[in-house]
C-alpha atoms as a PDB file:
ATOM      1  CA  MET A   1      97.585  76.058 103.802  1.00  0.00           C
ATOM      2  CA  ASN A   2      97.975  72.633 102.229  1.00  0.00           C
ATOM      3  CA  GLU A   3     101.548  71.616 103.029  1.00  0.00           C
ATOM      4  CA  LEU A   4     102.017  70.464  99.439  1.00  0.00           C
ATOM      5  CA  SER A   5     100.355  73.413  97.716  1.00  0.00           C
ATOM      6  CA  ILE A   6     102.232  74.754  94.700  1.00  0.00           C
ATOM      7  CA  THR A   7     102.995  78.268  93.485  1.00  0.00           C
ATOM      8  CA  LYS A   8     104.047  78.509  89.856  1.00  0.00           C
ATOM      9  CA  CYS A   9     106.960  80.838  89.137  1.00  0.00           C
ATOM     10  CA  GLY A  10     108.020  80.936  85.522  1.00  0.00           C
ATOM     11  CA  SER A  11     108.512  77.363  84.360  1.00  0.00           C
ATOM     12  CA  LEU A  12     109.063  76.120  87.909  1.00  0.00           C
ATOM     13  CA  GLY A  13     106.775  75.350  90.823  1.00  0.00           C
ATOM     14  CA  PHE A  14     107.463  75.849  94.518  1.00  0.00           C
ATOM     15  CA  ARG A  15     106.046  72.956  96.535  1.00  0.00           C
ATOM     16  CA  TRP A  16     105.498  74.494  99.962  1.00  0.00           C
ATOM     17  CA  GLY A  17     106.322  72.315 102.922  1.00  0.00           C
ATOM     18  CA  GLU A  18     108.753  70.002 101.154  1.00  0.00           C
ATOM     19  CA  ARG A  19     111.873  72.094 101.823  1.00  0.00           C
ATOM     20  CA  THR A  20     113.124  75.628 102.455  1.00  0.00           C
ATOM     21  CA  TYR A  21     113.841  77.730  99.361  1.00  0.00           C
ATOM     22  CA  VAL A  22     116.794  80.139  99.264  1.00  0.00           C
ATOM     23  CA  MET A  23     116.527  83.584  97.678  1.00  0.00           C
ATOM     24  CA  GLY A  24     119.887  85.183  96.868  1.00  0.00           C
ATOM     25  CA  ILE A  25     120.130  88.975  96.988  1.00  0.00           C
ATOM     26  CA  ILE A  26     121.435  90.778  93.895  1.00  0.00           C
ATOM     27  CA  ASN A  27     121.811  94.359  95.115  1.00  0.00           C
ATOM     28  CA  LEU A  28     122.358  97.034  92.474  1.00  0.00           C
ATOM     29  CA  SER A  29     122.173  99.969  94.876  1.00  0.00           C
ATOM     30  CA  PRO A  30     125.469 101.725  95.718  1.00  0.00           C
ATOM     31  CA  ASN A  31     124.330 102.573  99.267  1.00  0.00           C
ATOM     32  CA  SER A  32     123.058  99.259 100.613  1.00  0.00           C
ATOM     33  CA  PHE A  33     123.082  98.815 104.402  1.00  0.00           C
ATOM     34  CA  SER A  34     125.049  95.585 103.969  1.00  0.00           C
ATOM     35  CA  GLY A  35     127.715  97.038 101.706  1.00  0.00           C
ATOM     36  CA  ASP A  36     127.091  94.405  99.028  1.00  0.00           C
ATOM     37  CA  GLY A  37     125.953  96.684  96.203  1.00  0.00           C
ATOM     38  CA  ILE A  38     127.422  95.754  92.842  1.00  0.00           C
ATOM     39  CA  ALA A  39     127.714  97.602  89.549  1.00  0.00           C
ATOM     40  CA  GLY A  40     128.457  96.455  86.031  1.00  0.00           C
ATOM     41  CA  ILE A  41     126.931  93.613  84.034  1.00  0.00           C
ATOM     42  CA  GLU A  42     130.001  91.402  84.419  1.00  0.00           C
ATOM     43  CA  ALA A  43     129.916  91.648  88.223  1.00  0.00           C
ATOM     44  CA  VAL A  44     126.173  90.956  88.302  1.00  0.00           C
ATOM     45  CA  ALA A  45     126.622  87.911  86.060  1.00  0.00           C
ATOM     46  CA  ALA A  46     129.469  86.568  88.186  1.00  0.00           C
ATOM     47  CA  GLN A  47     127.505  86.908  91.424  1.00  0.00           C
ATOM     48  CA  ALA A  48     124.375  85.363  89.926  1.00  0.00           C
ATOM     49  CA  GLN A  49     126.276  82.385  88.519  1.00  0.00           C
ATOM     50  CA  ARG A  50     128.015  81.902  91.858  1.00  0.00           C
ATOM     51  CA  PHE A  51     124.677  81.986  93.684  1.00  0.00           C
ATOM     52  CA  VAL A  52     123.213  79.409  91.296  1.00  0.00           C
ATOM     53  CA  SER A  53     126.230  77.124  91.744  1.00  0.00           C
ATOM     54  CA  GLU A  54     125.892  77.487  95.526  1.00  0.00           C
ATOM     55  CA  GLY A  55     122.268  76.349  95.480  1.00  0.00           C
ATOM     56  CA  ALA A  56     120.076  79.469  95.269  1.00  0.00           C
ATOM     57  CA  ASP A  57     116.499  78.831  94.150  1.00  0.00           C
ATOM     58  CA  ILE A  58     115.585  82.458  93.335  1.00  0.00           C
ATOM     59  CA  LEU A  59     117.543  85.634  92.540  1.00  0.00           C
ATOM     60  CA  ASP A  60     116.085  88.843  93.996  1.00  0.00           C
ATOM     61  CA  VAL A  61     117.222  91.890  92.002  1.00  0.00           C
ATOM     62  CA  GLY A  62     116.825  95.332  93.586  1.00  0.00           C
ATOM     63  CA  GLY A  63     117.954  98.790  92.535  1.00  0.00           C
ATOM     64  CA  GLU A  64     116.875 101.004  95.443  1.00  0.00           C
ATOM     65  CA  SER A  65     118.383 100.841  98.929  1.00  0.00           C
ATOM     66  CA  THR A  66     116.013  99.901 101.755  1.00  0.00           C
ATOM     67  CA  ARG A  67     118.438 101.175 104.403  1.00  0.00           C
ATOM     68  CA  PRO A  68     116.634 103.458 106.885  1.00  0.00           C
ATOM     69  CA  GLY A  69     117.069 107.060 105.806  1.00  0.00           C
ATOM     70  CA  ALA A  70     118.313 106.191 102.320  1.00  0.00           C
ATOM     71  CA  PRO A  71     117.104 108.744  99.751  1.00  0.00           C
ATOM     72  CA  PRO A  72     114.531 107.462  97.257  1.00  0.00           C
ATOM     73  CA  ILE A  73     115.491 107.226  93.614  1.00  0.00           C
ATOM     74  CA  SER A  74     113.396 108.034  90.572  1.00  0.00           C
ATOM     75  CA  ILE A  75     111.492 105.429  88.598  1.00  0.00           C
ATOM     76  CA  ASP A  76     113.723 106.091  85.601  1.00  0.00           C
ATOM     77  CA  GLU A  77     116.895 105.567  87.628  1.00  0.00           C
ATOM     78  CA  GLU A  78     115.569 102.351  89.145  1.00  0.00           C
ATOM     79  CA  ILE A  79     114.616 101.013  85.716  1.00  0.00           C
ATOM     80  CA  LYS A  80     118.059 101.958  84.412  1.00  0.00           C
ATOM     81  CA  ARG A  81     119.681  99.947  87.189  1.00  0.00           C
ATOM     82  CA  VAL A  82     117.575  96.784  87.154  1.00  0.00           C
ATOM     83  CA  VAL A  83     116.230  96.163  83.650  1.00  0.00           C
ATOM     84  CA  PRO A  84     119.542  95.541  81.822  1.00  0.00           C
ATOM     85  CA  ALA A  85     120.645  93.253  84.656  1.00  0.00           C
ATOM     86  CA  ILE A  86     117.408  91.251  84.555  1.00  0.00           C
ATOM     87  CA  GLU A  87     117.546  90.948  80.758  1.00  0.00           C
ATOM     88  CA  MET A  88     121.051  89.549  81.041  1.00  0.00           C
ATOM     89  CA  LEU A  89     120.227  87.213  83.928  1.00  0.00           C
ATOM     90  CA  ALA A  90     117.126  85.857  82.200  1.00  0.00           C
ATOM     91  CA  SER A  91     119.355  84.599  79.393  1.00  0.00           C
ATOM     92  CA  LEU A  92     122.035  83.313  81.769  1.00  0.00           C
ATOM     93  CA  VAL A  93     120.290  81.406  84.587  1.00  0.00           C
ATOM     94  CA  SER A  94     117.412  78.951  84.727  1.00  0.00           C
ATOM     95  CA  ILE A  95     116.138  79.795  88.220  1.00  0.00           C
ATOM     96  CA  PRO A  96     113.410  82.428  88.678  1.00  0.00           C
ATOM     97  CA  ILE A  97     114.288  86.114  88.992  1.00  0.00           C
ATOM     98  CA  SER A  98     112.387  88.354  91.412  1.00  0.00           C
ATOM     99  CA  ILE A  99     112.203  92.144  91.124  1.00  0.00           C
ATOM    100  CA  ASP A 100     112.533  93.863  94.503  1.00  0.00           C
ATOM    101  CA  SER A 101     110.429  96.997  93.952  1.00  0.00           C
ATOM    102  CA  TYR A 102     107.204  98.564  95.200  1.00  0.00           C
ATOM    103  CA  LYS A 103     106.702 100.608  92.006  1.00  0.00           C
ATOM    104  CA  SER A 104     104.375  99.171  89.378  1.00  0.00           C
ATOM    105  CA  GLU A 105     106.187 100.866  86.482  1.00  0.00           C
ATOM    106  CA  VAL A 106     109.497  99.338  87.535  1.00  0.00           C
ATOM    107  CA  ALA A 107     107.912  95.924  88.092  1.00  0.00           C
ATOM    108  CA  HIS A 108     106.198  96.071  84.687  1.00  0.00           C
ATOM    109  CA  ARG A 109     109.507  96.706  82.913  1.00  0.00           C
ATOM    110  CA  ALA A 110     111.230  94.041  85.005  1.00  0.00           C
ATOM    111  CA  LEU A 111     108.623  91.412  84.094  1.00  0.00           C
ATOM    112  CA  ASP A 112     109.007  92.345  80.441  1.00  0.00           C
ATOM    113  CA  ALA A 113     112.769  91.864  80.847  1.00  0.00           C
ATOM    114  CA  GLY A 114     112.363  88.347  82.257  1.00  0.00           C
ATOM    115  CA  ALA A 115     111.515  88.579  85.969  1.00  0.00           C
ATOM    116  CA  ALA A 116     108.925  86.069  87.194  1.00  0.00           C
ATOM    117  CA  MET A 117     108.121  87.339  90.712  1.00  0.00           C
ATOM    118  CA  ILE A 118     107.605  90.664  92.508  1.00  0.00           C
ATOM    119  CA  ASN A 119     108.927  91.428  95.987  1.00  0.00           C
ATOM    120  CA  ASP A 120     106.992  94.409  97.407  1.00  0.00           C
ATOM    121  CA  GLN A 121     108.506  95.781 100.606  1.00  0.00           C
ATOM    122  CA  TRP A 122     105.407  97.959 101.176  1.00  0.00           C
ATOM    123  CA  GLY A 123     102.771  95.244 100.798  1.00  0.00           C
ATOM    124  CA  LEU A 124     100.786  97.300  98.222  1.00  0.00           C
ATOM    125  CA  LYS A 125     100.541 100.281 100.591  1.00  0.00           C
ATOM    126  CA  ARG A 126     102.588 102.520  98.299  1.00  0.00           C
ATOM    127  CA  ASP A 127     101.367 101.343  94.885  1.00  0.00           C
ATOM    128  CA  PRO A 128      98.235  99.164  94.741  1.00  0.00           C
ATOM    129  CA  GLY A 129      98.702  99.080  90.965  1.00  0.00           C
ATOM    130  CA  LEU A 130     101.196  96.302  91.566  1.00  0.00           C
ATOM    131  CA  ALA A 131      98.295  93.989  92.407  1.00  0.00           C
ATOM    132  CA  GLU A 132      96.645  94.652  89.049  1.00  0.00           C
ATOM    133  CA  LEU A 133      99.948  93.895  87.313  1.00  0.00           C
ATOM    134  CA  VAL A 134     100.358  90.653  89.279  1.00  0.00           C
ATOM    135  CA  ALA A 135      96.809  89.601  88.417  1.00  0.00           C
ATOM    136  CA  GLU A 136      97.355  90.389  84.734  1.00  0.00           C
ATOM    137  CA  ARG A 137     100.688  88.567  84.498  1.00  0.00           C
ATOM    138  CA  ASN A 138      99.796  85.723  86.879  1.00  0.00           C
ATOM    139  CA  VAL A 139     103.083  85.914  88.787  1.00  0.00           C
ATOM    140  CA  PRO A 140     103.781  85.464  92.516  1.00  0.00           C
ATOM    141  CA  ILE A 141     104.053  88.508  94.776  1.00  0.00           C
ATOM    142  CA  ILE A 142     105.745  88.786  98.168  1.00  0.00           C
ATOM    143  CA  LEU A 143     103.764  91.093 100.455  1.00  0.00           C
ATOM    144  CA  MET A 144     105.808  92.508 103.322  1.00  0.00           C
ATOM    145  CA  SER A 145     104.634  94.082 106.562  1.00  0.00           C
ATOM    146  CA  ASN A 146     106.380  97.464 106.786  1.00  0.00           C
ATOM    147  CA  GLN A 147     105.840  99.698 109.808  1.00  0.00           C
ATOM    148  CA  ARG A 148     108.198 102.507 108.789  1.00  0.00           C
ATOM    149  CA  ASP A 149     105.317 104.629 107.507  1.00  0.00           C
ATOM    150  CA  LYS A 150     103.572 104.334 110.867  1.00  0.00           C
ATOM    151  CA  ALA A 151     101.400 107.488 110.914  1.00  0.00           C
ATOM    152  CA  ARG A 152      99.627 106.525 107.689  1.00  0.00           C
ATOM    153  CA  TYR A 153      99.587 102.884 108.721  1.00  0.00           C
ATOM    154  CA  ASP A 154      97.830 103.702 112.011  1.00  0.00           C
ATOM    155  CA  THR A 155      95.193 105.841 110.306  1.00  0.00           C
ATOM    156  CA  GLU A 156      94.322 103.575 107.395  1.00  0.00           C
ATOM    157  CA  ILE A 157      94.904 100.031 108.620  1.00  0.00           C
ATOM    158  CA  ARG A 158      95.369  99.645 112.333  1.00  0.00           C
ATOM    159  CA  ARG A 159      91.868  99.719 113.778  1.00  0.00           C
ATOM    160  CA  ASP A 160      91.346  96.739 116.057  1.00  0.00           C
ATOM    161  CA  VAL A 161      94.686  96.338 117.840  1.00  0.00           C
ATOM    162  CA  ALA A 162      94.712  98.293 121.091  1.00  0.00           C
ATOM    163  CA  SER A 163      98.470  98.722 121.272  1.00  0.00           C
ATOM    164  CA  TYR A 164     101.642  98.045 119.342  1.00  0.00           C
ATOM    165  CA  SER A 165     102.950  95.914 122.200  1.00  0.00           C
ATOM    166  CA  ASP A 166     101.959  92.729 120.348  1.00  0.00           C
ATOM    167  CA  VAL A 167     104.142  92.881 117.270  1.00  0.00           C
ATOM    168  CA  ILE A 168     102.812  89.643 115.763  1.00  0.00           C
ATOM    169  CA  ALA A 169      99.217  90.861 115.982  1.00  0.00           C
ATOM    170  CA  GLU A 170     100.344  94.070 114.283  1.00  0.00           C
ATOM    171  CA  VAL A 171     102.188  92.220 111.531  1.00  0.00           C
ATOM    172  CA  ILE A 172      99.287  89.844 110.893  1.00  0.00           C
ATOM    173  CA  LEU A 173      96.838  92.743 110.694  1.00  0.00           C
ATOM    174  CA  SER A 174      99.070  94.520 108.195  1.00  0.00           C
ATOM    175  CA  LEU A 175      99.470  91.403 106.073  1.00  0.00           C
ATOM    176  CA  ARG A 176      95.727  90.664 106.133  1.00  0.00           C
ATOM    177  CA  HIS A 177      95.140  94.170 104.798  1.00  0.00           C
ATOM    178  CA  SER A 178      97.678  93.635 101.993  1.00  0.00           C
ATOM    179  CA  MET A 179      96.297  90.204 101.150  1.00  0.00           C
ATOM    180  CA  GLY A 180      92.738  91.506 101.082  1.00  0.00           C
ATOM    181  CA  LEU A 181      93.681  94.250  98.658  1.00  0.00           C
ATOM    182  CA  ALA A 182      95.555  91.801  96.441  1.00  0.00           C
ATOM    183  CA  LEU A 183      92.647  89.352  96.366  1.00  0.00           C
ATOM    184  CA  ARG A 184      90.085  92.095  95.616  1.00  0.00           C
ATOM    185  CA  LEU A 185      92.175  93.205  92.644  1.00  0.00           C
ATOM    186  CA  GLY A 186      92.291  89.701  91.196  1.00  0.00           C
ATOM    187  CA  VAL A 187      95.547  88.184  92.477  1.00  0.00           C
ATOM    188  CA  PRO A 188      95.118  84.397  92.852  1.00  0.00           C
ATOM    189  CA  ARG A 189      95.564  83.318  96.450  1.00  0.00           C
ATOM    190  CA  GLU A 190      98.192  80.765  95.455  1.00  0.00           C
ATOM    191  CA  ASN A 191     100.388  83.601  94.108  1.00  0.00           C
ATOM    192  CA  ILE A 192     100.672  85.368  97.490  1.00  0.00           C
ATOM    193  CA  ILE A 193     103.700  84.958  99.777  1.00  0.00           C
ATOM    194  CA  VAL A 194     103.956  86.884 103.066  1.00  0.00           C
ATOM    195  CA  ASP A 195     106.956  88.447 104.813  1.00  0.00           C
ATOM    196  CA  PRO A 196     106.876  89.856 108.391  1.00  0.00           C
ATOM    197  CA  GLY A 197     109.355  92.586 107.451  1.00  0.00           C
ATOM    198  CA  ILE A 198     112.324  92.175 109.766  1.00  0.00           C
ATOM    199  CA  GLY A 199     114.248  95.457 109.724  1.00  0.00           C
ATOM    200  CA  PHE A 200     111.288  97.561 108.641  1.00  0.00           C
ATOM    201  CA  GLY A 201     109.886  99.673 111.459  1.00  0.00           C
ATOM    202  CA  LYS A 202     110.312  97.283 114.368  1.00  0.00           C
ATOM    203  CA  SER A 203     112.625  97.430 117.362  1.00  0.00           C
ATOM    204  CA  TRP A 204     115.372  94.825 117.657  1.00  0.00           C
ATOM    205  CA  GLN A 205     113.447  93.208 120.515  1.00  0.00           C
ATOM    206  CA  GLN A 206     110.356  92.944 118.324  1.00  0.00           C
ATOM    207  CA  GLU A 207     112.412  91.376 115.547  1.00  0.00           C
ATOM    208  CA  LEU A 208     113.614  88.680 117.929  1.00  0.00           C
ATOM    209  CA  GLU A 209     109.987  88.125 118.935  1.00  0.00           C
ATOM    210  CA  ILE A 210     108.884  87.837 115.304  1.00  0.00           C
ATOM    211  CA  ILE A 211     111.344  84.980 114.750  1.00  0.00           C
ATOM    212  CA  ARG A 212     110.359  83.388 118.072  1.00  0.00           C
ATOM    213  CA  ARG A 213     106.667  83.465 117.062  1.00  0.00           C
ATOM    214  CA  LEU A 214     106.997  83.117 113.298  1.00  0.00           C
ATOM    215  CA  ASN A 215     104.749  80.050 113.268  1.00  0.00           C
ATOM    216  CA  GLU A 216     101.792  82.314 114.140  1.00  0.00           C
ATOM    217  CA  LEU A 217     101.952  83.770 110.618  1.00  0.00           C
ATOM    218  CA  LYS A 218     100.800  80.371 109.341  1.00  0.00           C
ATOM    219  CA  ARG A 219      97.268  81.361 110.301  1.00  0.00           C
ATOM    220  CA  LEU A 220      97.324  83.507 107.139  1.00  0.00           C
ATOM    221  CA  GLY A 221      97.406  80.318 105.103  1.00  0.00           C
ATOM    222  CA  ARG A 222     100.261  81.412 102.850  1.00  0.00           C
ATOM    223  CA  PRO A 223     103.974  80.557 102.596  1.00  0.00           C
ATOM    224  CA  VAL A 224     106.254  82.731 104.712  1.00  0.00           C
ATOM    225  CA  LEU A 225     109.449  84.440 103.596  1.00  0.00           C
ATOM    226  CA  VAL A 226     111.850  85.745 106.231  1.00  0.00           C
ATOM    227  CA  GLY A 227     114.850  88.026 105.642  1.00  0.00           C
ATOM    228  CA  PRO A 228     117.098  88.362 108.709  1.00  0.00           C
ATOM    229  CA  SER A 229     120.336  88.333 106.725  1.00  0.00           C
ATOM    230  CA  ARG A 230     122.964  90.691 108.211  1.00  0.00           C
ATOM    231  CA  LYS A 231     120.224  92.848 109.776  1.00  0.00           C
ATOM    232  CA  SER A 232     120.932  95.351 112.542  1.00  0.00           C
ATOM    233  CA  PHE A 233     119.184  93.314 115.270  1.00  0.00           C
ATOM    234  CA  ILE A 234     121.968  90.737 114.891  1.00  0.00           C
ATOM    235  CA  GLY A 235     124.583  93.461 115.222  1.00  0.00           C
ATOM    236  CA  LEU A 236     122.899  94.823 118.332  1.00  0.00           C
ATOM    237  CA  VAL A 237     122.591  91.442 120.039  1.00  0.00           C
ATOM    238  CA  LEU A 238     126.145  90.364 119.226  1.00  0.00           C
ATOM    239  CA  ASP A 239     127.783  93.811 119.060  1.00  0.00           C
ATOM    240  CA  LEU A 240     129.158  93.101 115.587  1.00  0.00           C
ATOM    241  CA  PRO A 241     129.552  95.110 112.365  1.00  0.00           C
ATOM    242  CA  VAL A 242     127.578  94.116 109.281  1.00  0.00           C
ATOM    243  CA  ASN A 243     130.412  92.061 107.749  1.00  0.00           C
ATOM    244  CA  GLU A 244     130.650  89.806 110.841  1.00  0.00           C
ATOM    245  CA  ARG A 245     127.018  88.728 111.180  1.00  0.00           C
ATOM    246  CA  ILE A 246     127.063  85.454 109.289  1.00  0.00           C
ATOM    247  CA  GLU A 247     126.787  83.215 112.368  1.00  0.00           C
ATOM    248  CA  GLY A 248     123.988  85.358 113.792  1.00  0.00           C
ATOM    249  CA  THR A 249     122.221  85.158 110.444  1.00  0.00           C
ATOM    250  CA  ALA A 250     122.609  81.382 110.440  1.00  0.00           C
ATOM    251  CA  ALA A 251     121.039  81.105 113.905  1.00  0.00           C
ATOM    252  CA  ALA A 252     118.120  83.348 112.921  1.00  0.00           C
ATOM    253  CA  ILE A 253     117.506  81.334 109.761  1.00  0.00           C
ATOM    254  CA  ALA A 254     117.691  77.947 111.476  1.00  0.00           C
ATOM    255  CA  ILE A 255     115.152  79.003 114.103  1.00  0.00           C
ATOM    256  CA  SER A 256     112.943  80.608 111.437  1.00  0.00           C
ATOM    257  CA  ILE A 257     112.857  77.285 109.581  1.00  0.00           C
ATOM    258  CA  ALA A 258     111.948  75.476 112.781  1.00  0.00           C
ATOM    259  CA  LYS A 259     109.126  78.006 113.181  1.00  0.00           C
ATOM    260  CA  GLY A 260     107.772  77.482 109.658  1.00  0.00           C
ATOM    261  CA  ALA A 261     109.706  79.671 107.191  1.00  0.00           C
ATOM    262  CA  ASP A 262     109.320  78.547 103.583  1.00  0.00           C
ATOM    263  CA  ILE A 263     111.797  80.947 101.919  1.00  0.00           C
ATOM    264  CA  VAL A 264     114.852  82.689 103.343  1.00  0.00           C
ATOM    265  CA  ARG A 265     116.289  85.804 101.681  1.00  0.00           C
ATOM    266  CA  VAL A 266     120.065  85.924 102.138  1.00  0.00           C
ATOM    267  CA  HIS A 267     123.319  87.601 101.139  1.00  0.00           C
ATOM    268  CA  ASP A 268     125.539  84.579 101.881  1.00  0.00           C
ATOM    269  CA  VAL A 269     124.058  81.830  99.736  1.00  0.00           C
ATOM    270  CA  ARG A 270     126.700  79.108 100.095  1.00  0.00           C
ATOM    271  CA  GLU A 271     126.620  79.137 103.880  1.00  0.00           C
ATOM    272  CA  MET A 272     122.864  79.563 104.242  1.00  0.00           C
ATOM    273  CA  VAL A 273     122.041  76.752 101.817  1.00  0.00           C
ATOM    274  CA  LYS A 274     123.913  74.451 104.199  1.00  0.00           C
ATOM    275  CA  VAL A 275     122.009  75.883 107.161  1.00  0.00           C
ATOM    276  CA  CYS A 276     118.729  75.268 105.325  1.00  0.00           C
ATOM    277  CA  ARG A 277     119.617  71.709 104.369  1.00  0.00           C
ATOM    278  CA  MET A 278     120.608  70.821 107.927  1.00  0.00           C
ATOM    279  CA  SER A 279     117.551  72.540 109.374  1.00  0.00           C
ATOM    280  CA  ASP A 280     115.279  70.784 106.882  1.00  0.00           C
ATOM    281  CA  ALA A 281     116.849  67.434 107.769  1.00  0.00           C
ATOM    282  CA  ILE A 282     115.885  68.047 111.403  1.00  0.00           C
ATOM    283  CA  VAL A 283     112.540  69.800 110.961  1.00  0.00           C
ATOM    284  CA  ARG A 284     111.185  68.128 107.828  1.00  0.00           C
ATOM    285  CA  GLU A 285     113.123  64.845 108.222  1.00  0.00           C
ATOM    286  CA  LEU A 286     114.773  65.340 104.823  1.00  0.00           C
ATOM    287  CA  LYS A 287     117.924  63.323 104.184  1.00  0.00           C
ATOM    288  CA  SER A 288     119.220  65.296 101.193  1.00  0.00           C
END
């Protein structure tokens, strides 16, 4: 990937390699693993404005919990949660809004409401129609490697890796599959961002290894998003509850940046923007 390649997102352009971009999580699910779910337009607006003032580059709006074991919600319920919030945010903030959904119907309504990016936690494995929507609308898509649905994953995708002992090989294979599907359905290569999927079907040891070897994802030739914020692997390593994982998150993000992360997805924007700026000053030799 050209270190100065650009991905257009709404009226803005992300210039990969210049600095680390910060994605702030706007969670509209009442049963989030991190306990940060919010309800009500006023609360959403207040959090979004705070994130913007703290230096967020993107707002990621999601309506369905990704906590392991969380019950799925209907398309109608997800639309009901996210669309009014996105409509309001699109008129309130100037930074891009991402819709965190793997359902093409939800993403379609979110784009109509003002979203400019799609964050697909299933990497097109659940709804390939998302790729057609992305191609039609010419918006960026984040493709994540998700091993939670492992039986189907093994049958349909995993053919040339002898064992799951090499988590990076597994993640790269999964992401190549997702990228190939996206490209075949007309998604421009420059609109693809990849995510190794920390917290999605890996052991805590494998998640540490993913961060340790994150630079190997660069062989895919696309910018890398990483989302370690408040995740359970931090709690297991440090023996801490979810509301005390900010320092562990900071360490994971700093090392991810050193290993090539281009975007970090976080709950604690103010603190992690500082981590990113300091890490960029060291890694990219940026002074401000």
